[in-house]
Amino acid sequence: LAQGANPVRAAGQQRYMKSEMPFRGLTSREVKSAIRPL
């Protein structure tokens, strides 16, 4: 997840979700793709 980080998108995701926890900036599809081999 760290390897696929997108800081610009992450900031927008955190605002949209009103989340105290920060984001990496990955889309749902990117999360699934990144962890699928694992």
ModelCIF file with pLDDT and N, C-alpha, C, O atoms, coordinates in Angstrom:
data_MODEL
#
_entry.id   MODEL 
#
_entity.id                         1 
_entity.type                       polymer 
_entity.pdbx_number_of_molecules   1 
#
_entity_poly.entity_id                      1 
_entity_poly.type                           'polypeptide(L)' 
_entity_poly.nstd_linkage                   no 
_entity_poly.nstd_monomer                   no 
_entity_poly.pdbx_seq_one_letter_code       LAQGANPVRAAGQQRYMKSEMPFRGLTSREVKSAIRPL 
_entity_poly.pdbx_seq_one_letter_code_can   LAQGANPVRAAGQQRYMKSEMPFRGLTSREVKSAIRPL 
_entity_poly.pdbx_strand_id                 A 
#
loop_
_entity_poly_seq.entity_id 
_entity_poly_seq.num 
_entity_poly_seq.mon_id 
_entity_poly_seq.hetero 
1 1  LEU n 
1 2  ALA n 
1 3  GLN n 
1 4  GLY n 
1 5  ALA n 
1 6  ASN n 
1 7  PRO n 
1 8  VAL n 
1 9  ARG n 
1 10 ALA n 
1 11 ALA n 
1 12 GLY n 
1 13 GLN n 
1 14 GLN n 
1 15 ARG n 
1 16 TYR n 
1 17 MET n 
1 18 LYS n 
1 19 SER n 
1 20 GLU n 
1 21 MET n 
1 22 PRO n 
1 23 PHE n 
1 24 ARG n 
1 25 GLY n 
1 26 LEU n 
1 27 THR n 
1 28 SER n 
1 29 ARG n 
1 30 GLU n 
1 31 VAL n 
1 32 LYS n 
1 33 SER n 
1 34 ALA n 
1 35 ILE n 
1 36 ARG n 
1 37 PRO n 
1 38 LEU n 
#
_struct_asym.id          A 
_struct_asym.entity_id   1 
#
loop_
_ma_qa_metric.id 
_ma_qa_metric.mode 
_ma_qa_metric.name 
_ma_qa_metric.software_group_id 
_ma_qa_metric.type 
1 global pLDDT . pLDDT 
2 local  pLDDT . pLDDT 
#
_ma_qa_metric_global.metric_id      1 
_ma_qa_metric_global.metric_value   96.37 
_ma_qa_metric_global.model_id       1 
_ma_qa_metric_global.ordinal_id     1 
#
loop_
_ma_qa_metric_local.label_asym_id 
_ma_qa_metric_local.label_comp_id 
_ma_qa_metric_local.label_seq_id 
_ma_qa_metric_local.metric_id 
_ma_qa_metric_local.metric_value 
_ma_qa_metric_local.model_id 
_ma_qa_metric_local.ordinal_id 
A LEU 1  2 98.00 1 1  
A ALA 2  2 97.00 1 2  
A GLN 3  2 96.00 1 3  
A GLY 4  2 94.00 1 4  
A ALA 5  2 96.00 1 5  
A ASN 6  2 97.00 1 6  
A PRO 7  2 95.00 1 7  
A VAL 8  2 95.00 1 8  
A ARG 9  2 97.00 1 9  
A ALA 10 2 97.00 1 10 
A ALA 11 2 96.00 1 11 
A GLY 12 2 97.00 1 12 
A GLN 13 2 97.00 1 13 
A GLN 14 2 96.00 1 14 
A ARG 15 2 96.00 1 15 
A TYR 16 2 96.00 1 16 
A MET 17 2 96.00 1 17 
A LYS 18 2 95.00 1 18 
A SER 19 2 95.00 1 19 
A GLU 20 2 95.00 1 20 
A MET 21 2 96.00 1 21 
A PRO 22 2 97.00 1 22 
A PHE 23 2 97.00 1 23 
A ARG 24 2 97.00 1 24 
A GLY 25 2 97.00 1 25 
A LEU 26 2 97.00 1 26 
A THR 27 2 96.00 1 27 
A SER 28 2 95.00 1 28 
A ARG 29 2 96.00 1 29 
A GLU 30 2 97.00 1 30 
A VAL 31 2 97.00 1 31 
A LYS 32 2 97.00 1 32 
A SER 33 2 97.00 1 33 
A ALA 34 2 97.00 1 34 
A ILE 35 2 97.00 1 35 
A ARG 36 2 97.00 1 36 
A PRO 37 2 97.00 1 37 
A LEU 38 2 97.00 1 38 
#
loop_
_atom_site.group_PDB 
_atom_site.id 
_atom_site.type_symbol 
_atom_site.label_atom_id 
_atom_site.label_alt_id 
_atom_site.label_comp_id 
_atom_site.label_asym_id 
_atom_site.label_entity_id 
_atom_site.label_seq_id 
_atom_site.pdbx_PDB_ins_code 
_atom_site.Cartn_x 
_atom_site.Cartn_y 
_atom_site.Cartn_z 
_atom_site.occupancy 
_atom_site.B_iso_or_equiv 
_atom_site.pdbx_formal_charge 
_atom_site.auth_seq_id 
_atom_site.auth_comp_id 
_atom_site.auth_asym_id 
_atom_site.auth_atom_id 
_atom_site.pdbx_PDB_model_num 
ATOM 1   N N  . LEU A 1 1  ? 0.831   -1.211  0.000  1.00 98.00 ? 1  LEU A N  1 
ATOM 2   C CA . LEU A 1 1  ? 0.000   0.000   0.000  1.00 98.00 ? 1  LEU A CA 1 
ATOM 3   C C  . LEU A 1 1  ? 0.865   1.259   0.000  1.00 98.00 ? 1  LEU A C  1 
ATOM 4   O O  . LEU A 1 1  ? 0.536   2.250   -0.653 1.00 98.00 ? 1  LEU A O  1 
ATOM 5   N N  . ALA A 1 2  ? 1.973   1.210   0.739  1.00 97.00 ? 2  ALA A N  1 
ATOM 6   C CA . ALA A 1 2  ? 2.871   2.367   0.779  1.00 97.00 ? 2  ALA A CA 1 
ATOM 7   C C  . ALA A 1 2  ? 3.483   2.618   -0.595 1.00 97.00 ? 2  ALA A C  1 
ATOM 8   O O  . ALA A 1 2  ? 3.678   3.765   -0.997 1.00 97.00 ? 2  ALA A O  1 
ATOM 9   N N  . GLN A 1 3  ? 3.782   1.543   -1.306 1.00 96.00 ? 3  GLN A N  1 
ATOM 10  C CA . GLN A 1 3  ? 4.412   1.673   -2.624 1.00 96.00 ? 3  GLN A CA 1 
ATOM 11  C C  . GLN A 1 3  ? 3.483   2.367   -3.623 1.00 96.00 ? 3  GLN A C  1 
ATOM 12  O O  . GLN A 1 3  ? 3.945   3.069   -4.523 1.00 96.00 ? 3  GLN A O  1 
ATOM 13  N N  . GLY A 1 4  ? 2.180   2.170   -3.462 1.00 94.00 ? 4  GLY A N  1 
ATOM 14  C CA . GLY A 1 4  ? 1.226   2.776   -4.388 1.00 94.00 ? 4  GLY A CA 1 
ATOM 15  C C  . GLY A 1 4  ? 0.674   4.104   -3.926 1.00 94.00 ? 4  GLY A C  1 
ATOM 16  O O  . GLY A 1 4  ? -0.305  4.588   -4.494 1.00 94.00 ? 4  GLY A O  1 
ATOM 17  N N  . ALA A 1 5  ? 1.266   4.707   -2.918 1.00 96.00 ? 5  ALA A N  1 
ATOM 18  C CA . ALA A 1 5  ? 0.731   5.921   -2.310 1.00 96.00 ? 5  ALA A CA 1 
ATOM 19  C C  . ALA A 1 5  ? 0.626   7.080   -3.304 1.00 96.00 ? 5  ALA A C  1 
ATOM 20  O O  . ALA A 1 5  ? 1.477   7.263   -4.174 1.00 96.00 ? 5  ALA A O  1 
ATOM 21  N N  . ASN A 1 6  ? -0.435  7.844   -3.141 1.00 97.00 ? 6  ASN A N  1 
ATOM 22  C CA . ASN A 1 6  ? -0.674  9.048   -3.944 1.00 97.00 ? 6  ASN A CA 1 
ATOM 23  C C  . ASN A 1 6  ? -1.065  10.157  -2.971 1.00 97.00 ? 6  ASN A C  1 
ATOM 24  O O  . ASN A 1 6  ? -2.249  10.310  -2.672 1.00 97.00 ? 6  ASN A O  1 
ATOM 25  N N  . PRO A 1 7  ? -0.108  10.935  -2.471 1.00 95.00 ? 7  PRO A N  1 
ATOM 26  C CA . PRO A 1 7  ? -0.377  11.925  -1.425 1.00 95.00 ? 7  PRO A CA 1 
ATOM 27  C C  . PRO A 1 7  ? -1.427  12.962  -1.808 1.00 95.00 ? 7  PRO A C  1 
ATOM 28  O O  . PRO A 1 7  ? -2.200  13.397  -0.954 1.00 95.00 ? 7  PRO A O  1 
ATOM 29  N N  . VAL A 1 8  ? -1.469  13.359  -3.056 1.00 95.00 ? 8  VAL A N  1 
ATOM 30  C CA . VAL A 1 8  ? -2.456  14.362  -3.474 1.00 95.00 ? 8  VAL A CA 1 
ATOM 31  C C  . VAL A 1 8  ? -3.868  13.794  -3.352 1.00 95.00 ? 8  VAL A C  1 
ATOM 32  O O  . VAL A 1 8  ? -4.755  14.428  -2.781 1.00 95.00 ? 8  VAL A O  1 
ATOM 33  N N  . ARG A 1 9  ? -4.063  12.610  -3.887 1.00 97.00 ? 9  ARG A N  1 
ATOM 34  C CA . ARG A 1 9  ? -5.376  11.979  -3.787 1.00 97.00 ? 9  ARG A CA 1 
ATOM 35  C C  . ARG A 1 9  ? -5.712  11.666  -2.327 1.00 97.00 ? 9  ARG A C  1 
ATOM 36  O O  . ARG A 1 9  ? -6.871  11.764  -1.923 1.00 97.00 ? 9  ARG A O  1 
ATOM 37  N N  . ALA A 1 10 ? -4.716  11.294  -1.546 1.00 97.00 ? 10 ALA A N  1 
ATOM 38  C CA . ALA A 1 10 ? -4.934  10.939  -0.144 1.00 97.00 ? 10 ALA A CA 1 
ATOM 39  C C  . ALA A 1 10 ? -5.560  12.081  0.635  1.00 97.00 ? 10 ALA A C  1 
ATOM 40  O O  . ALA A 1 10 ? -6.457  11.865  1.449  1.00 97.00 ? 10 ALA A O  1 
ATOM 41  N N  . ALA A 1 11 ? -5.095  13.276  0.391  1.00 96.00 ? 11 ALA A N  1 
ATOM 42  C CA . ALA A 1 11 ? -5.635  14.437  1.111  1.00 96.00 ? 11 ALA A CA 1 
ATOM 43  C C  . ALA A 1 11 ? -7.115  14.624  0.794  1.00 96.00 ? 11 ALA A C  1 
ATOM 44  O O  . ALA A 1 11 ? -7.914  14.906  1.687  1.00 96.00 ? 11 ALA A O  1 
ATOM 45  N N  . GLY A 1 12 ? -7.476  14.468  -0.463 1.00 97.00 ? 12 GLY A N  1 
ATOM 46  C CA . GLY A 1 12 ? -8.874  14.598  -0.847 1.00 97.00 ? 12 GLY A CA 1 
ATOM 47  C C  . GLY A 1 12 ? -9.732  13.491  -0.270 1.00 97.00 ? 12 GLY A C  1 
ATOM 48  O O  . GLY A 1 12 ? -10.865 13.737  0.143  1.00 97.00 ? 12 GLY A O  1 
ATOM 49  N N  . GLN A 1 13 ? -9.208  12.276  -0.235 1.00 97.00 ? 13 GLN A N  1 
ATOM 50  C CA . GLN A 1 13 ? -9.947  11.151  0.331  1.00 97.00 ? 13 GLN A CA 1 
ATOM 51  C C  . GLN A 1 13 ? -10.220 11.372  1.816  1.00 97.00 ? 13 GLN A C  1 
ATOM 52  O O  . GLN A 1 13 ? -11.314 11.091  2.306  1.00 97.00 ? 13 GLN A O  1 
ATOM 53  N N  . GLN A 1 14 ? -9.227  11.871  2.514  1.00 96.00 ? 14 GLN A N  1 
ATOM 54  C CA . GLN A 1 14 ? -9.395  12.090  3.946  1.00 96.00 ? 14 GLN A CA 1 
ATOM 55  C C  . GLN A 1 14 ? -10.447 13.159  4.216  1.00 96.00 ? 14 GLN A C  1 
ATOM 56  O O  . GLN A 1 14 ? -11.246 13.031  5.143  1.00 96.00 ? 14 GLN A O  1 
ATOM 57  N N  . ARG A 1 15 ? -10.446 14.200  3.414  1.00 96.00 ? 15 ARG A N  1 
ATOM 58  C CA . ARG A 1 15 ? -11.469 15.249  3.572  1.00 96.00 ? 15 ARG A CA 1 
ATOM 59  C C  . ARG A 1 15 ? -12.852 14.698  3.269  1.00 96.00 ? 15 ARG A C  1 
ATOM 60  O O  . ARG A 1 15 ? -13.802 14.943  4.013  1.00 96.00 ? 15 ARG A O  1 
ATOM 61  N N  . TYR A 1 16 ? -12.963 13.962  2.187  1.00 96.00 ? 16 TYR A N  1 
ATOM 62  C CA . TYR A 1 16 ? -14.268 13.429  1.781  1.00 96.00 ? 16 TYR A CA 1 
ATOM 63  C C  . TYR A 1 16 ? -14.839 12.487  2.831  1.00 96.00 ? 16 TYR A C  1 
ATOM 64  O O  . TYR A 1 16 ? -16.031 12.535  3.136  1.00 96.00 ? 16 TYR A O  1 
ATOM 65  N N  . MET A 1 17 ? -13.984 11.629  3.381  1.00 96.00 ? 17 MET A N  1 
ATOM 66  C CA . MET A 1 17 ? -14.442 10.645  4.356  1.00 96.00 ? 17 MET A CA 1 
ATOM 67  C C  . MET A 1 17 ? -14.526 11.207  5.771  1.00 96.00 ? 17 MET A C  1 
ATOM 68  O O  . MET A 1 17 ? -14.992 10.526  6.685  1.00 96.00 ? 17 MET A O  1 
ATOM 69  N N  . LYS A 1 18 ? -14.073 12.458  5.956  1.00 95.00 ? 18 LYS A N  1 
ATOM 70  C CA . LYS A 1 18 ? -14.073 13.083  7.287  1.00 95.00 ? 18 LYS A CA 1 
ATOM 71  C C  . LYS A 1 18 ? -13.376 12.160  8.286  1.00 95.00 ? 18 LYS A C  1 
ATOM 72  O O  . LYS A 1 18 ? -13.866 11.918  9.389  1.00 95.00 ? 18 LYS A O  1 
ATOM 73  N N  . SER A 1 19 ? -12.235 11.663  7.869  1.00 95.00 ? 19 SER A N  1 
ATOM 74  C CA . SER A 1 19 ? -11.504 10.661  8.640  1.00 95.00 ? 19 SER A CA 1 
ATOM 75  C C  . SER A 1 19 ? -10.329 11.269  9.390  1.00 95.00 ? 19 SER A C  1 
ATOM 76  O O  . SER A 1 19 ? -9.553  12.038  8.823  1.00 95.00 ? 19 SER A O  1 
ATOM 77  N N  . GLU A 1 20 ? -10.200 10.925  10.665 1.00 95.00 ? 20 GLU A N  1 
ATOM 78  C CA . GLU A 1 20 ? -9.020  11.324  11.417 1.00 95.00 ? 20 GLU A CA 1 
ATOM 79  C C  . GLU A 1 20 ? -7.813  10.504  10.972 1.00 95.00 ? 20 GLU A C  1 
ATOM 80  O O  . GLU A 1 20 ? -6.681  10.986  11.003 1.00 95.00 ? 20 GLU A O  1 
ATOM 81  N N  . MET A 1 21 ? -8.058  9.276   10.564 1.00 96.00 ? 21 MET A N  1 
ATOM 82  C CA . MET A 1 21 ? -6.984  8.411   10.082 1.00 96.00 ? 21 MET A CA 1 
ATOM 83  C C  . MET A 1 21 ? -6.622  8.810   8.656  1.00 96.00 ? 21 MET A C  1 
ATOM 84  O O  . MET A 1 21 ? -7.514  8.933   7.817  1.00 96.00 ? 21 MET A O  1 
ATOM 85  N N  . PRO A 1 22 ? -5.355  9.012   8.361  1.00 97.00 ? 22 PRO A N  1 
ATOM 86  C CA . PRO A 1 22 ? -4.956  9.407   7.007  1.00 97.00 ? 22 PRO A CA 1 
ATOM 87  C C  . PRO A 1 22 ? -5.120  8.280   5.993  1.00 97.00 ? 22 PRO A C  1 
ATOM 88  O O  . PRO A 1 22 ? -5.268  7.113   6.356  1.00 97.00 ? 22 PRO A O  1 
ATOM 89  N N  . PHE A 1 23 ? -5.091  8.648   4.732  1.00 97.00 ? 23 PHE A N  1 
ATOM 90  C CA . PHE A 1 23 ? -5.165  7.711   3.619  1.00 97.00 ? 23 PHE A CA 1 
ATOM 91  C C  . PHE A 1 23 ? -3.810  7.610   2.931  1.00 97.00 ? 23 PHE A C  1 
ATOM 92  O O  . PHE A 1 23 ? -2.956  8.483   3.087  1.00 97.00 ? 23 PHE A O  1 
ATOM 93  N N  . ARG A 1 24 ? -3.623  6.547   2.174  1.00 97.00 ? 24 ARG A N  1 
ATOM 94  C CA . ARG A 1 24 ? -2.455  6.407   1.309  1.00 97.00 ? 24 ARG A CA 1 
ATOM 95  C C  . ARG A 1 24 ? -2.732  7.025   -0.060 1.00 97.00 ? 24 ARG A C  1 
ATOM 96  O O  . ARG A 1 24 ? -1.811  7.420   -0.774 1.00 97.00 ? 24 ARG A O  1 
ATOM 97  N N  . GLY A 1 25 ? -4.017  7.101   -0.413 1.00 97.00 ? 25 GLY A N  1 
ATOM 98  C CA . GLY A 1 25 ? -4.372  7.674   -1.708 1.00 97.00 ? 25 GLY A CA 1 
ATOM 99  C C  . GLY A 1 25 ? -4.650  6.649   -2.784 1.00 97.00 ? 25 GLY A C  1 
ATOM 100 O O  . GLY A 1 25 ? -4.591  6.970   -3.971 1.00 97.00 ? 25 GLY A O  1 
ATOM 101 N N  . LEU A 1 26 ? -4.956  5.411   -2.392 1.00 97.00 ? 26 LEU A N  1 
ATOM 102 C CA . LEU A 1 26 ? -5.272  4.362   -3.356 1.00 97.00 ? 26 LEU A CA 1 
ATOM 103 C C  . LEU A 1 26 ? -6.783  4.245   -3.538 1.00 97.00 ? 26 LEU A C  1 
ATOM 104 O O  . LEU A 1 26 ? -7.541  4.453   -2.591 1.00 97.00 ? 26 LEU A O  1 
ATOM 105 N N  . THR A 1 27 ? -7.215  3.917   -4.737 1.00 96.00 ? 27 THR A N  1 
ATOM 106 C CA . THR A 1 27 ? -8.621  3.626   -4.971 1.00 96.00 ? 27 THR A CA 1 
ATOM 107 C C  . THR A 1 27 ? -8.918  2.214   -4.457 1.00 96.00 ? 27 THR A C  1 
ATOM 108 O O  . THR A 1 27 ? -8.004  1.447   -4.155 1.00 96.00 ? 27 THR A O  1 
ATOM 109 N N  . SER A 1 28 ? -10.197 1.887   -4.364 1.00 95.00 ? 28 SER A N  1 
ATOM 110 C CA . SER A 1 28 ? -10.581 0.546   -3.919 1.00 95.00 ? 28 SER A CA 1 
ATOM 111 C C  . SER A 1 28 ? -9.995  -0.520  -4.837 1.00 95.00 ? 28 SER A C  1 
ATOM 112 O O  . SER A 1 28 ? -9.500  -1.547  -4.374 1.00 95.00 ? 28 SER A O  1 
ATOM 113 N N  . ARG A 1 29 ? -10.055 -0.267  -6.138 1.00 96.00 ? 29 ARG A N  1 
ATOM 114 C CA . ARG A 1 29 ? -9.510  -1.233  -7.097 1.00 96.00 ? 29 ARG A CA 1 
ATOM 115 C C  . ARG A 1 29 ? -8.006  -1.381  -6.914 1.00 96.00 ? 29 ARG A C  1 
ATOM 116 O O  . ARG A 1 29 ? -7.475  -2.488  -7.008 1.00 96.00 ? 29 ARG A O  1 
ATOM 117 N N  . GLU A 1 30 ? -7.318  -0.279  -6.655 1.00 97.00 ? 30 GLU A N  1 
ATOM 118 C CA . GLU A 1 30 ? -5.868  -0.341  -6.474 1.00 97.00 ? 30 GLU A CA 1 
ATOM 119 C C  . GLU A 1 30 ? -5.489  -1.096  -5.209 1.00 97.00 ? 30 GLU A C  1 
ATOM 120 O O  . GLU A 1 30 ? -4.490  -1.814  -5.186 1.00 97.00 ? 30 GLU A O  1 
ATOM 121 N N  . VAL A 1 31 ? -6.283  -0.936  -4.159 1.00 97.00 ? 31 VAL A N  1 
ATOM 122 C CA . VAL A 1 31 ? -6.033  -1.686  -2.926 1.00 97.00 ? 31 VAL A CA 1 
ATOM 123 C C  . VAL A 1 31 ? -6.126  -3.180  -3.202 1.00 97.00 ? 31 VAL A C  1 
ATOM 124 O O  . VAL A 1 31 ? -5.234  -3.945  -2.835 1.00 97.00 ? 31 VAL A O  1 
ATOM 125 N N  . LYS A 1 32 ? -7.207  -3.587  -3.848 1.00 97.00 ? 32 LYS A N  1 
ATOM 126 C CA . LYS A 1 32 ? -7.409  -5.015  -4.130 1.00 97.00 ? 32 LYS A CA 1 
ATOM 127 C C  . LYS A 1 32 ? -6.308  -5.562  -5.029 1.00 97.00 ? 32 LYS A C  1 
ATOM 128 O O  . LYS A 1 32 ? -5.821  -6.672  -4.815 1.00 97.00 ? 32 LYS A O  1 
ATOM 129 N N  . SER A 1 33 ? -5.917  -4.788  -6.028 1.00 97.00 ? 33 SER A N  1 
ATOM 130 C CA . SER A 1 33 ? -4.869  -5.228  -6.951 1.00 97.00 ? 33 SER A CA 1 
ATOM 131 C C  . SER A 1 33 ? -3.526  -5.366  -6.225 1.00 97.00 ? 33 SER A C  1 
ATOM 132 O O  . SER A 1 33 ? -2.777  -6.313  -6.463 1.00 97.00 ? 33 SER A O  1 
ATOM 133 N N  . ALA A 1 34 ? -3.233  -4.411  -5.340 1.00 97.00 ? 34 ALA A N  1 
ATOM 134 C CA . ALA A 1 34 ? -1.944  -4.408  -4.645 1.00 97.00 ? 34 ALA A CA 1 
ATOM 135 C C  . ALA A 1 34 ? -1.792  -5.593  -3.703 1.00 97.00 ? 34 ALA A C  1 
ATOM 136 O O  . ALA A 1 34 ? -0.697  -6.136  -3.554 1.00 97.00 ? 34 ALA A O  1 
ATOM 137 N N  . ILE A 1 35 ? -2.884  -5.993  -3.069 1.00 97.00 ? 35 ILE A N  1 
ATOM 138 C CA . ILE A 1 35 ? -2.780  -7.049  -2.058 1.00 97.00 ? 35 ILE A CA 1 
ATOM 139 C C  . ILE A 1 35 ? -3.146  -8.431  -2.593 1.00 97.00 ? 35 ILE A C  1 
ATOM 140 O O  . ILE A 1 35 ? -2.976  -9.426  -1.889 1.00 97.00 ? 35 ILE A O  1 
ATOM 141 N N  . ARG A 1 36 ? -3.641  -8.508  -3.818 1.00 97.00 ? 36 ARG A N  1 
ATOM 142 C CA . ARG A 1 36 ? -4.100  -9.800  -4.356 1.00 97.00 ? 36 ARG A CA 1 
ATOM 143 C C  . ARG A 1 36 ? -3.014  -10.880 -4.327 1.00 97.00 ? 36 ARG A C  1 
ATOM 144 O O  . ARG A 1 36 ? -3.293  -11.997 -3.890 1.00 97.00 ? 36 ARG A O  1 
ATOM 145 N N  . PRO A 1 37 ? -1.777  -10.588 -4.779 1.00 97.00 ? 37 PRO A N  1 
ATOM 146 C CA . PRO A 1 37 ? -0.747  -11.638 -4.740 1.00 97.00 ? 37 PRO A CA 1 
ATOM 147 C C  . PRO A 1 37 ? -0.455  -12.115 -3.319 1.00 97.00 ? 37 PRO A C  1 
ATOM 148 O O  . PRO A 1 37 ? -0.157  -13.290 -3.103 1.00 97.00 ? 37 PRO A O  1 
ATOM 149 N N  . LEU A 1 38 ? -0.541  -11.211 -2.366 1.00 97.00 ? 38 LEU A N  1 
ATOM 150 C CA . LEU A 1 38 ? -0.282  -11.571 -0.972 1.00 97.00 ? 38 LEU A CA 1 
ATOM 151 C C  . LEU A 1 38 ? -1.386  -12.465 -0.428 1.00 97.00 ? 38 LEU A C  1 
ATOM 152 O O  . LEU A 1 38 ? -1.336  -12.868 0.734  1.00 97.00 ? 38 LEU A O  1 
#
